[in-house]
mmCIF file of all heavy atoms, coordinates in Angstrom:
data_MODEL
# 
_entry.id   MODEL 
# 
loop_
_atom_site.group_PDB 
_atom_site.id 
_atom_site.type_symbol 
_atom_site.label_atom_id 
_atom_site.label_alt_id 
_atom_site.label_comp_id 
_atom_site.label_asym_id 
_atom_site.label_entity_id 
_atom_site.label_seq_id 
_atom_site.pdbx_PDB_ins_code 
_atom_site.Cartn_x 
_atom_site.Cartn_y 
_atom_site.Cartn_z 
_atom_site.occupancy 
_atom_site.B_iso_or_equiv 
_atom_site.pdbx_formal_charge 
_atom_site.auth_seq_id 
_atom_site.auth_comp_id 
_atom_site.auth_asym_id 
_atom_site.auth_atom_id 
_atom_site.pdbx_PDB_model_num 
ATOM 1   N N   . PRO A 1 1  ? -50.145 126.408 -18.839 1.00 0.00 ? 1  PRO A N   1 
ATOM 2   C CA  . PRO A 1 1  ? -49.021 127.241 -18.826 1.00 0.00 ? 1  PRO A CA  1 
ATOM 3   C C   . PRO A 1 1  ? -47.865 126.550 -18.201 1.00 0.00 ? 1  PRO A C   1 
ATOM 4   O O   . PRO A 1 1  ? -47.977 125.508 -17.676 1.00 0.00 ? 1  PRO A O   1 
ATOM 5   C CB  . PRO A 1 1  ? -49.491 128.480 -17.961 1.00 0.00 ? 1  PRO A CB  1 
ATOM 6   C CG  . PRO A 1 1  ? -50.502 127.786 -17.073 1.00 0.00 ? 1  PRO A CG  1 
ATOM 7   C CD  . PRO A 1 1  ? -51.181 126.795 -17.898 1.00 0.00 ? 1  PRO A CD  1 
ATOM 8   N N   . LEU A 1 2  ? -46.688 127.137 -18.350 1.00 0.00 ? 2  LEU A N   1 
ATOM 9   C CA  . LEU A 1 2  ? -45.425 126.581 -17.686 1.00 0.00 ? 2  LEU A CA  1 
ATOM 10  C C   . LEU A 1 2  ? -45.626 126.455 -16.285 1.00 0.00 ? 2  LEU A C   1 
ATOM 11  O O   . LEU A 1 2  ? -46.105 127.487 -15.573 1.00 0.00 ? 2  LEU A O   1 
ATOM 12  C CB  . LEU A 1 2  ? -44.250 127.420 -18.071 1.00 0.00 ? 2  LEU A CB  1 
ATOM 13  C CG  . LEU A 1 2  ? -43.876 127.487 -19.553 1.00 0.00 ? 2  LEU A CG  1 
ATOM 14  C CD1 . LEU A 1 2  ? -42.643 128.407 -19.633 1.00 0.00 ? 2  LEU A CD1 1 
ATOM 15  C CD2 . LEU A 1 2  ? -43.468 126.116 -19.938 1.00 0.00 ? 2  LEU A CD2 1 
ATOM 16  N N   . LEU A 1 3  ? -45.474 125.270 -15.673 1.00 0.00 ? 3  LEU A N   1 
ATOM 17  C CA  . LEU A 1 3  ? -45.715 125.047 -14.186 1.00 0.00 ? 3  LEU A CA  1 
ATOM 18  C C   . LEU A 1 3  ? -44.455 124.690 -13.590 1.00 0.00 ? 3  LEU A C   1 
ATOM 19  O O   . LEU A 1 3  ? -44.435 123.837 -12.745 1.00 0.00 ? 3  LEU A O   1 
ATOM 20  C CB  . LEU A 1 3  ? -46.687 123.975 -14.036 1.00 0.00 ? 3  LEU A CB  1 
ATOM 21  C CG  . LEU A 1 3  ? -48.132 124.259 -14.587 1.00 0.00 ? 3  LEU A CG  1 
ATOM 22  C CD1 . LEU A 1 3  ? -49.043 122.938 -14.415 1.00 0.00 ? 3  LEU A CD1 1 
ATOM 23  C CD2 . LEU A 1 3  ? -48.758 125.425 -14.022 1.00 0.00 ? 3  LEU A CD2 1 
ATOM 24  N N   . SER A 1 4  ? -43.325 125.321 -13.945 1.00 0.00 ? 4  SER A N   1 
ATOM 25  C CA  . SER A 1 4  ? -42.020 124.913 -13.335 1.00 0.00 ? 4  SER A CA  1 
ATOM 26  C C   . SER A 1 4  ? -41.895 125.409 -11.940 1.00 0.00 ? 4  SER A C   1 
ATOM 27  O O   . SER A 1 4  ? -42.815 125.399 -11.185 1.00 0.00 ? 4  SER A O   1 
ATOM 28  C CB  . SER A 1 4  ? -40.887 125.230 -14.244 1.00 0.00 ? 4  SER A CB  1 
ATOM 29  O OG  . SER A 1 4  ? -40.959 126.673 -14.457 1.00 0.00 ? 4  SER A OG  1 
ATOM 30  N N   . GLY A 1 5  ? -40.775 125.930 -11.679 1.00 0.00 ? 5  GLY A N   1 
ATOM 31  C CA  . GLY A 1 5  ? -40.613 126.500 -10.234 1.00 0.00 ? 5  GLY A CA  1 
ATOM 32  C C   . GLY A 1 5  ? -39.965 125.517 -9.363  1.00 0.00 ? 5  GLY A C   1 
ATOM 33  O O   . GLY A 1 5  ? -39.699 125.715 -8.183  1.00 0.00 ? 5  GLY A O   1 
ATOM 34  N N   . SER A 1 6  ? -39.540 124.389 -9.878  1.00 0.00 ? 6  SER A N   1 
ATOM 35  C CA  . SER A 1 6  ? -38.863 123.395 -9.156  1.00 0.00 ? 6  SER A CA  1 
ATOM 36  C C   . SER A 1 6  ? -37.811 122.686 -9.979  1.00 0.00 ? 6  SER A C   1 
ATOM 37  O O   . SER A 1 6  ? -37.981 122.541 -11.170 1.00 0.00 ? 6  SER A O   1 
ATOM 38  C CB  . SER A 1 6  ? -39.791 122.268 -8.679  1.00 0.00 ? 6  SER A CB  1 
ATOM 39  O OG  . SER A 1 6  ? -39.145 121.271 -8.020  1.00 0.00 ? 6  SER A OG  1 
ATOM 40  N N   . ILE A 1 7  ? -36.646 122.318 -9.429  1.00 0.00 ? 7  ILE A N   1 
ATOM 41  C CA  . ILE A 1 7  ? -35.638 121.596 -10.211 1.00 0.00 ? 7  ILE A CA  1 
ATOM 42  C C   . ILE A 1 7  ? -35.871 120.119 -10.166 1.00 0.00 ? 7  ILE A C   1 
ATOM 43  O O   . ILE A 1 7  ? -35.290 119.299 -10.904 1.00 0.00 ? 7  ILE A O   1 
ATOM 44  C CB  . ILE A 1 7  ? -34.265 121.947 -9.672  1.00 0.00 ? 7  ILE A CB  1 
ATOM 45  C CG1 . ILE A 1 7  ? -34.060 121.616 -8.200  1.00 0.00 ? 7  ILE A CG1 1 
ATOM 46  C CG2 . ILE A 1 7  ? -33.959 123.395 -9.888  1.00 0.00 ? 7  ILE A CG2 1 
ATOM 47  C CD1 . ILE A 1 7  ? -32.632 121.691 -7.673  1.00 0.00 ? 7  ILE A CD1 1 
ATOM 48  N N   . ASN A 1 8  ? -36.778 119.604 -9.452  1.00 0.00 ? 8  ASN A N   1 
ATOM 49  C CA  . ASN A 1 8  ? -37.193 118.231 -9.390  1.00 0.00 ? 8  ASN A CA  1 
ATOM 50  C C   . ASN A 1 8  ? -38.161 117.886 -10.438 1.00 0.00 ? 8  ASN A C   1 
ATOM 51  O O   . ASN A 1 8  ? -39.290 118.334 -10.398 1.00 0.00 ? 8  ASN A O   1 
ATOM 52  C CB  . ASN A 1 8  ? -37.713 117.962 -7.889  1.00 0.00 ? 8  ASN A CB  1 
ATOM 53  C CG  . ASN A 1 8  ? -37.971 116.528 -7.753  1.00 0.00 ? 8  ASN A CG  1 
ATOM 54  O OD1 . ASN A 1 8  ? -38.469 115.817 -8.647  1.00 0.00 ? 8  ASN A OD1 1 
ATOM 55  N ND2 . ASN A 1 8  ? -37.836 116.099 -6.503  1.00 0.00 ? 8  ASN A ND2 1 
ATOM 56  N N   . LEU A 1 9  ? -37.712 117.114 -11.393 1.00 0.00 ? 9  LEU A N   1 
ATOM 57  C CA  . LEU A 1 9  ? -38.522 116.672 -12.558 1.00 0.00 ? 9  LEU A CA  1 
ATOM 58  C C   . LEU A 1 9  ? -39.760 115.951 -12.049 1.00 0.00 ? 9  LEU A C   1 
ATOM 59  O O   . LEU A 1 9  ? -40.789 116.043 -12.693 1.00 0.00 ? 9  LEU A O   1 
ATOM 60  C CB  . LEU A 1 9  ? -37.712 115.930 -13.616 1.00 0.00 ? 9  LEU A CB  1 
ATOM 61  C CG  . LEU A 1 9  ? -36.651 116.653 -14.248 1.00 0.00 ? 9  LEU A CG  1 
ATOM 62  C CD1 . LEU A 1 9  ? -35.895 115.729 -15.260 1.00 0.00 ? 9  LEU A CD1 1 
ATOM 63  C CD2 . LEU A 1 9  ? -37.203 117.876 -15.016 1.00 0.00 ? 9  LEU A CD2 1 
ATOM 64  N N   . TRP A 1 10 ? -39.706 115.151 -11.016 1.00 0.00 ? 10 TRP A N   1 
ATOM 65  C CA  . TRP A 1 10 ? -40.816 114.472 -10.560 1.00 0.00 ? 10 TRP A CA  1 
ATOM 66  C C   . TRP A 1 10 ? -41.865 115.476 -10.142 1.00 0.00 ? 10 TRP A C   1 
ATOM 67  O O   . TRP A 1 10 ? -43.180 115.247 -10.345 1.00 0.00 ? 10 TRP A O   1 
ATOM 68  C CB  . TRP A 1 10 ? -40.469 113.424 -9.365  1.00 0.00 ? 10 TRP A CB  1 
ATOM 69  C CG  . TRP A 1 10 ? -41.684 112.724 -8.919  1.00 0.00 ? 10 TRP A CG  1 
ATOM 70  C CD1 . TRP A 1 10 ? -42.165 111.534 -9.439  1.00 0.00 ? 10 TRP A CD1 1 
ATOM 71  C CD2 . TRP A 1 10 ? -42.594 113.031 -7.852  1.00 0.00 ? 10 TRP A CD2 1 
ATOM 72  N NE1 . TRP A 1 10 ? -43.206 111.134 -8.786  1.00 0.00 ? 10 TRP A NE1 1 
ATOM 73  C CE2 . TRP A 1 10 ? -43.576 112.065 -7.773  1.00 0.00 ? 10 TRP A CE2 1 
ATOM 74  C CE3 . TRP A 1 10 ? -42.670 114.101 -6.992  1.00 0.00 ? 10 TRP A CE3 1 
ATOM 75  C CZ2 . TRP A 1 10 ? -44.592 112.105 -6.923  1.00 0.00 ? 10 TRP A CZ2 1 
ATOM 76  C CZ3 . TRP A 1 10 ? -43.667 114.165 -6.084  1.00 0.00 ? 10 TRP A CZ3 1 
ATOM 77  C CH2 . TRP A 1 10 ? -44.601 113.127 -5.980  1.00 0.00 ? 10 TRP A CH2 1 
ATOM 78  N N   . GLN A 1 11 ? -41.462 116.466 -9.320  1.00 0.00 ? 11 GLN A N   1 
ATOM 79  C CA  . GLN A 1 11 ? -42.460 117.515 -8.875  1.00 0.00 ? 11 GLN A CA  1 
ATOM 80  C C   . GLN A 1 11 ? -43.126 118.192 -10.002 1.00 0.00 ? 11 GLN A C   1 
ATOM 81  O O   . GLN A 1 11 ? -44.367 118.470 -10.018 1.00 0.00 ? 11 GLN A O   1 
ATOM 82  C CB  . GLN A 1 11 ? -41.816 118.495 -7.998  1.00 0.00 ? 11 GLN A CB  1 
ATOM 83  C CG  . GLN A 1 11 ? -41.427 117.935 -6.574  1.00 0.00 ? 11 GLN A CG  1 
ATOM 84  C CD  . GLN A 1 11 ? -40.724 118.949 -5.749  1.00 0.00 ? 11 GLN A CD  1 
ATOM 85  O OE1 . GLN A 1 11 ? -39.943 119.825 -6.210  1.00 0.00 ? 11 GLN A OE1 1 
ATOM 86  N NE2 . GLN A 1 11 ? -40.851 118.869 -4.385  1.00 0.00 ? 11 GLN A NE2 1 
ATOM 87  N N   . ILE A 1 12 ? -42.405 118.627 -11.093 1.00 0.00 ? 12 ILE A N   1 
ATOM 88  C CA  . ILE A 1 12 ? -42.872 119.274 -12.265 1.00 0.00 ? 12 ILE A CA  1 
ATOM 89  C C   . ILE A 1 12 ? -43.921 118.336 -12.904 1.00 0.00 ? 12 ILE A C   1 
ATOM 90  O O   . ILE A 1 12 ? -45.041 118.698 -13.287 1.00 0.00 ? 12 ILE A O   1 
ATOM 91  C CB  . ILE A 1 12 ? -41.844 119.668 -13.249 1.00 0.00 ? 12 ILE A CB  1 
ATOM 92  C CG1 . ILE A 1 12 ? -40.943 120.775 -12.547 1.00 0.00 ? 12 ILE A CG1 1 
ATOM 93  C CG2 . ILE A 1 12 ? -42.437 120.163 -14.564 1.00 0.00 ? 12 ILE A CG2 1 
ATOM 94  C CD1 . ILE A 1 12 ? -39.713 121.093 -13.356 1.00 0.00 ? 12 ILE A CD1 1 
ATOM 95  N N   . HIS A 1 13 ? -43.598 117.028 -13.074 1.00 0.00 ? 13 HIS A N   1 
ATOM 96  C CA  . HIS A 1 13 ? -44.404 115.986 -13.677 1.00 0.00 ? 13 HIS A CA  1 
ATOM 97  C C   . HIS A 1 13 ? -45.763 115.952 -12.875 1.00 0.00 ? 13 HIS A C   1 
ATOM 98  O O   . HIS A 1 13 ? -46.854 115.880 -13.472 1.00 0.00 ? 13 HIS A O   1 
ATOM 99  C CB  . HIS A 1 13 ? -43.830 114.709 -13.817 1.00 0.00 ? 13 HIS A CB  1 
ATOM 100 C CG  . HIS A 1 13 ? -44.576 113.587 -14.322 1.00 0.00 ? 13 HIS A CG  1 
ATOM 101 N ND1 . HIS A 1 13 ? -44.929 113.623 -15.691 1.00 0.00 ? 13 HIS A ND1 1 
ATOM 102 C CD2 . HIS A 1 13 ? -45.230 112.589 -13.746 1.00 0.00 ? 13 HIS A CD2 1 
ATOM 103 C CE1 . HIS A 1 13 ? -45.777 112.495 -15.943 1.00 0.00 ? 13 HIS A CE1 1 
ATOM 104 N NE2 . HIS A 1 13 ? -45.931 111.927 -14.790 1.00 0.00 ? 13 HIS A NE2 1 
ATOM 105 N N   . HIS A 1 14 ? -45.608 115.839 -11.574 1.00 0.00 ? 14 HIS A N   1 
ATOM 106 C CA  . HIS A 1 14 ? -46.771 115.727 -10.691 1.00 0.00 ? 14 HIS A CA  1 
ATOM 107 C C   . HIS A 1 14 ? -47.670 117.029 -10.792 1.00 0.00 ? 14 HIS A C   1 
ATOM 108 O O   . HIS A 1 14 ? -48.885 116.866 -10.837 1.00 0.00 ? 14 HIS A O   1 
ATOM 109 C CB  . HIS A 1 14 ? -46.245 115.576 -9.247  1.00 0.00 ? 14 HIS A CB  1 
ATOM 110 C CG  . HIS A 1 14 ? -47.475 115.427 -8.228  1.00 0.00 ? 14 HIS A CG  1 
ATOM 111 N ND1 . HIS A 1 14 ? -48.269 114.345 -8.180  1.00 0.00 ? 14 HIS A ND1 1 
ATOM 112 C CD2 . HIS A 1 14 ? -47.954 116.261 -7.350  1.00 0.00 ? 14 HIS A CD2 1 
ATOM 113 C CE1 . HIS A 1 14 ? -49.212 114.563 -7.286  1.00 0.00 ? 14 HIS A CE1 1 
ATOM 114 N NE2 . HIS A 1 14 ? -48.955 115.709 -6.689  1.00 0.00 ? 14 HIS A NE2 1 
ATOM 115 N N   . ARG A 1 15 ? -47.084 118.119 -10.891 1.00 0.00 ? 15 ARG A N   1 
ATOM 116 C CA  . ARG A 1 15 ? -47.815 119.360 -11.138 1.00 0.00 ? 15 ARG A CA  1 
ATOM 117 C C   . ARG A 1 15 ? -48.683 119.370 -12.392 1.00 0.00 ? 15 ARG A C   1 
ATOM 118 O O   . ARG A 1 15 ? -49.875 119.746 -12.403 1.00 0.00 ? 15 ARG A O   1 
ATOM 119 C CB  . ARG A 1 15 ? -46.968 120.638 -11.140 1.00 0.00 ? 15 ARG A CB  1 
ATOM 120 C CG  . ARG A 1 15 ? -46.381 120.959 -9.745  1.00 0.00 ? 15 ARG A CG  1 
ATOM 121 C CD  . ARG A 1 15 ? -45.435 122.125 -9.861  1.00 0.00 ? 15 ARG A CD  1 
ATOM 122 N NE  . ARG A 1 15 ? -44.826 122.424 -8.623  1.00 0.00 ? 15 ARG A NE  1 
ATOM 123 C CZ  . ARG A 1 15 ? -43.885 123.316 -8.402  1.00 0.00 ? 15 ARG A CZ  1 
ATOM 124 N NH1 . ARG A 1 15 ? -43.419 123.943 -9.410  1.00 0.00 ? 15 ARG A NH1 1 
ATOM 125 N NH2 . ARG A 1 15 ? -43.388 123.407 -7.283  1.00 0.00 ? 15 ARG A NH2 1 
ATOM 126 N N   . TYR A 1 16 ? -48.056 118.852 -13.441 1.00 0.00 ? 16 TYR A N   1 
ATOM 127 C CA  . TYR A 1 16 ? -48.792 118.721 -14.693 1.00 0.00 ? 16 TYR A CA  1 
ATOM 128 C C   . TYR A 1 16 ? -49.821 117.666 -14.626 1.00 0.00 ? 16 TYR A C   1 
ATOM 129 O O   . TYR A 1 16 ? -50.952 117.924 -15.207 1.00 0.00 ? 16 TYR A O   1 
ATOM 130 C CB  . TYR A 1 16 ? -47.832 118.510 -15.889 1.00 0.00 ? 16 TYR A CB  1 
ATOM 131 C CG  . TYR A 1 16 ? -47.208 119.770 -16.386 1.00 0.00 ? 16 TYR A CG  1 
ATOM 132 C CD1 . TYR A 1 16 ? -45.885 119.997 -16.144 1.00 0.00 ? 16 TYR A CD1 1 
ATOM 133 C CD2 . TYR A 1 16 ? -47.962 120.714 -17.129 1.00 0.00 ? 16 TYR A CD2 1 
ATOM 134 C CE1 . TYR A 1 16 ? -45.352 121.198 -16.591 1.00 0.00 ? 16 TYR A CE1 1 
ATOM 135 C CE2 . TYR A 1 16 ? -47.318 121.905 -17.586 1.00 0.00 ? 16 TYR A CE2 1 
ATOM 136 C CZ  . TYR A 1 16 ? -46.050 122.164 -17.220 1.00 0.00 ? 16 TYR A CZ  1 
ATOM 137 O OH  . TYR A 1 16 ? -45.421 123.260 -17.681 1.00 0.00 ? 16 TYR A OH  1 
ATOM 138 N N   . GLN A 1 17 ? -49.678 116.632 -13.988 1.00 0.00 ? 17 GLN A N   1 
ATOM 139 C CA  . GLN A 1 17 ? -50.704 115.623 -13.731 1.00 0.00 ? 17 GLN A CA  1 
ATOM 140 C C   . GLN A 1 17 ? -51.935 116.181 -13.009 1.00 0.00 ? 17 GLN A C   1 
ATOM 141 O O   . GLN A 1 17 ? -53.060 115.905 -13.401 1.00 0.00 ? 17 GLN A O   1 
ATOM 142 C CB  . GLN A 1 17 ? -50.116 114.408 -13.157 1.00 0.00 ? 17 GLN A CB  1 
ATOM 143 C CG  . GLN A 1 17 ? -49.398 113.524 -13.993 1.00 0.00 ? 17 GLN A CG  1 
ATOM 144 C CD  . GLN A 1 17 ? -48.907 112.220 -13.219 1.00 0.00 ? 17 GLN A CD  1 
ATOM 145 O OE1 . GLN A 1 17 ? -48.625 112.239 -12.042 1.00 0.00 ? 17 GLN A OE1 1 
ATOM 146 N NE2 . GLN A 1 17 ? -48.898 111.110 -13.954 1.00 0.00 ? 17 GLN A NE2 1 
ATOM 147 N N   . ALA A 1 18 ? -51.612 116.828 -11.957 1.00 0.00 ? 18 ALA A N   1 
ATOM 148 C CA  . ALA A 1 18 ? -52.680 117.479 -11.170 1.00 0.00 ? 18 ALA A CA  1 
ATOM 149 C C   . ALA A 1 18 ? -53.432 118.496 -11.918 1.00 0.00 ? 18 ALA A C   1 
ATOM 150 O O   . ALA A 1 18 ? -54.658 118.615 -11.934 1.00 0.00 ? 18 ALA A O   1 
ATOM 151 C CB  . ALA A 1 18 ? -52.101 118.111 -9.880  1.00 0.00 ? 18 ALA A CB  1 
ATOM 152 N N   . TRP A 1 19 ? -52.656 119.368 -12.734 1.00 0.00 ? 19 TRP A N   1 
ATOM 153 C CA  . TRP A 1 19 ? -53.207 120.389 -13.537 1.00 0.00 ? 19 TRP A CA  1 
ATOM 154 C C   . TRP A 1 19 ? -54.216 119.815 -14.520 1.00 0.00 ? 19 TRP A C   1 
ATOM 155 O O   . TRP A 1 19 ? -55.345 120.210 -14.760 1.00 0.00 ? 19 TRP A O   1 
ATOM 156 C CB  . TRP A 1 19 ? -52.200 121.187 -14.235 1.00 0.00 ? 19 TRP A CB  1 
ATOM 157 C CG  . TRP A 1 19 ? -52.617 122.257 -15.079 1.00 0.00 ? 19 TRP A CG  1 
ATOM 158 C CD1 . TRP A 1 19 ? -53.053 122.235 -16.418 1.00 0.00 ? 19 TRP A CD1 1 
ATOM 159 C CD2 . TRP A 1 19 ? -52.947 123.645 -14.684 1.00 0.00 ? 19 TRP A CD2 1 
ATOM 160 N NE1 . TRP A 1 19 ? -53.452 123.485 -16.806 1.00 0.00 ? 19 TRP A NE1 1 
ATOM 161 C CE2 . TRP A 1 19 ? -53.380 124.345 -15.803 1.00 0.00 ? 19 TRP A CE2 1 
ATOM 162 C CE3 . TRP A 1 19 ? -52.701 124.319 -13.487 1.00 0.00 ? 19 TRP A CE3 1 
ATOM 163 C CZ2 . TRP A 1 19 ? -53.698 125.670 -15.708 1.00 0.00 ? 19 TRP A CZ2 1 
ATOM 164 C CZ3 . TRP A 1 19 ? -53.036 125.718 -13.431 1.00 0.00 ? 19 TRP A CZ3 1 
ATOM 165 C CH2 . TRP A 1 19 ? -53.596 126.334 -14.637 1.00 0.00 ? 19 TRP A CH2 1 
ATOM 166 N N   . ALA A 1 20 ? -53.748 118.736 -15.279 1.00 0.00 ? 20 ALA A N   1 
ATOM 167 C CA  . ALA A 1 20 ? -54.463 118.068 -16.304 1.00 0.00 ? 20 ALA A CA  1 
ATOM 168 C C   . ALA A 1 20 ? -55.783 117.487 -15.717 1.00 0.00 ? 20 ALA A C   1 
ATOM 169 O O   . ALA A 1 20 ? -56.861 117.557 -16.391 1.00 0.00 ? 20 ALA A O   1 
ATOM 170 C CB  . ALA A 1 20 ? -53.649 117.038 -16.997 1.00 0.00 ? 20 ALA A CB  1 
ATOM 171 N N   . LYS A 1 21 ? -55.657 116.912 -14.558 1.00 0.00 ? 21 LYS A N   1 
ATOM 172 C CA  . LYS A 1 21 ? -56.870 116.338 -13.891 1.00 0.00 ? 21 LYS A CA  1 
ATOM 173 C C   . LYS A 1 21 ? -57.906 117.294 -13.603 1.00 0.00 ? 21 LYS A C   1 
ATOM 174 O O   . LYS A 1 21 ? -59.166 117.115 -13.997 1.00 0.00 ? 21 LYS A O   1 
ATOM 175 C CB  . LYS A 1 21 ? -56.493 115.532 -12.713 1.00 0.00 ? 21 LYS A CB  1 
ATOM 176 C CG  . LYS A 1 21 ? -57.524 114.789 -12.005 1.00 0.00 ? 21 LYS A CG  1 
ATOM 177 C CD  . LYS A 1 21 ? -56.952 114.044 -10.663 1.00 0.00 ? 21 LYS A CD  1 
ATOM 178 C CE  . LYS A 1 21 ? -58.183 113.337 -9.981  1.00 0.00 ? 21 LYS A CE  1 
ATOM 179 N NZ  . LYS A 1 21 ? -57.659 112.626 -8.872  1.00 0.00 ? 21 LYS A NZ  1 
ATOM 180 N N   . VAL A 1 22 ? -57.549 118.404 -12.984 1.00 0.00 ? 22 VAL A N   1 
ATOM 181 C CA  . VAL A 1 22 ? -58.430 119.425 -12.682 1.00 0.00 ? 22 VAL A CA  1 
ATOM 182 C C   . VAL A 1 22 ? -59.084 120.154 -13.956 1.00 0.00 ? 22 VAL A C   1 
ATOM 183 O O   . VAL A 1 22 ? -60.168 120.359 -14.046 1.00 0.00 ? 22 VAL A O   1 
ATOM 184 C CB  . VAL A 1 22 ? -57.822 120.473 -11.732 1.00 0.00 ? 22 VAL A CB  1 
ATOM 185 C CG1 . VAL A 1 22 ? -58.832 121.649 -11.464 1.00 0.00 ? 22 VAL A CG1 1 
ATOM 186 C CG2 . VAL A 1 22 ? -57.563 119.825 -10.314 1.00 0.00 ? 22 VAL A CG2 1 
ATOM 187 N N   . LEU A 1 23 ? -58.102 120.494 -14.820 1.00 0.00 ? 23 LEU A N   1 
ATOM 188 C CA  . LEU A 1 23 ? -58.572 121.228 -16.035 1.00 0.00 ? 23 LEU A CA  1 
ATOM 189 C C   . LEU A 1 23 ? -59.548 120.281 -16.866 1.00 0.00 ? 23 LEU A C   1 
ATOM 190 O O   . LEU A 1 23 ? -60.565 120.875 -17.305 1.00 0.00 ? 23 LEU A O   1 
ATOM 191 C CB  . LEU A 1 23 ? -57.385 121.597 -16.918 1.00 0.00 ? 23 LEU A CB  1 
ATOM 192 C CG  . LEU A 1 23 ? -57.711 122.334 -18.201 1.00 0.00 ? 23 LEU A CG  1 
ATOM 193 C CD1 . LEU A 1 23 ? -57.227 123.676 -18.146 1.00 0.00 ? 23 LEU A CD1 1 
ATOM 194 C CD2 . LEU A 1 23 ? -57.396 121.564 -19.464 1.00 0.00 ? 23 LEU A CD2 1 
ATOM 195 N N   . SER A 1 24 ? -59.232 119.104 -17.047 1.00 0.00 ? 24 SER A N   1 
ATOM 196 C CA  . SER A 1 24 ? -60.068 118.226 -17.806 1.00 0.00 ? 24 SER A CA  1 
ATOM 197 C C   . SER A 1 24 ? -61.526 118.096 -17.109 1.00 0.00 ? 24 SER A C   1 
ATOM 198 O O   . SER A 1 24 ? -62.500 118.094 -17.880 1.00 0.00 ? 24 SER A O   1 
ATOM 199 C CB  . SER A 1 24 ? -59.391 116.766 -17.898 1.00 0.00 ? 24 SER A CB  1 
ATOM 200 O OG  . SER A 1 24 ? -58.303 116.841 -18.626 1.00 0.00 ? 24 SER A OG  1 
ATOM 201 N N   . ALA A 1 25 ? -61.546 117.908 -15.773 1.00 0.00 ? 25 ALA A N   1 
ATOM 202 C CA  . ALA A 1 25 ? -62.732 117.738 -15.193 1.00 0.00 ? 25 ALA A CA  1 
ATOM 203 C C   . ALA A 1 25 ? -63.628 118.959 -15.287 1.00 0.00 ? 25 ALA A C   1 
ATOM 204 O O   . ALA A 1 25 ? -64.870 118.959 -15.633 1.00 0.00 ? 25 ALA A O   1 
ATOM 205 C CB  . ALA A 1 25 ? -62.644 117.353 -13.700 1.00 0.00 ? 25 ALA A CB  1 
# 
């Protein structure tokens, strides 16, 4: 799902990386 909530693109990217790692496992 949309994981925004921050104007910092690095933080948004980091959230998606963490999400993908947990979801995949």
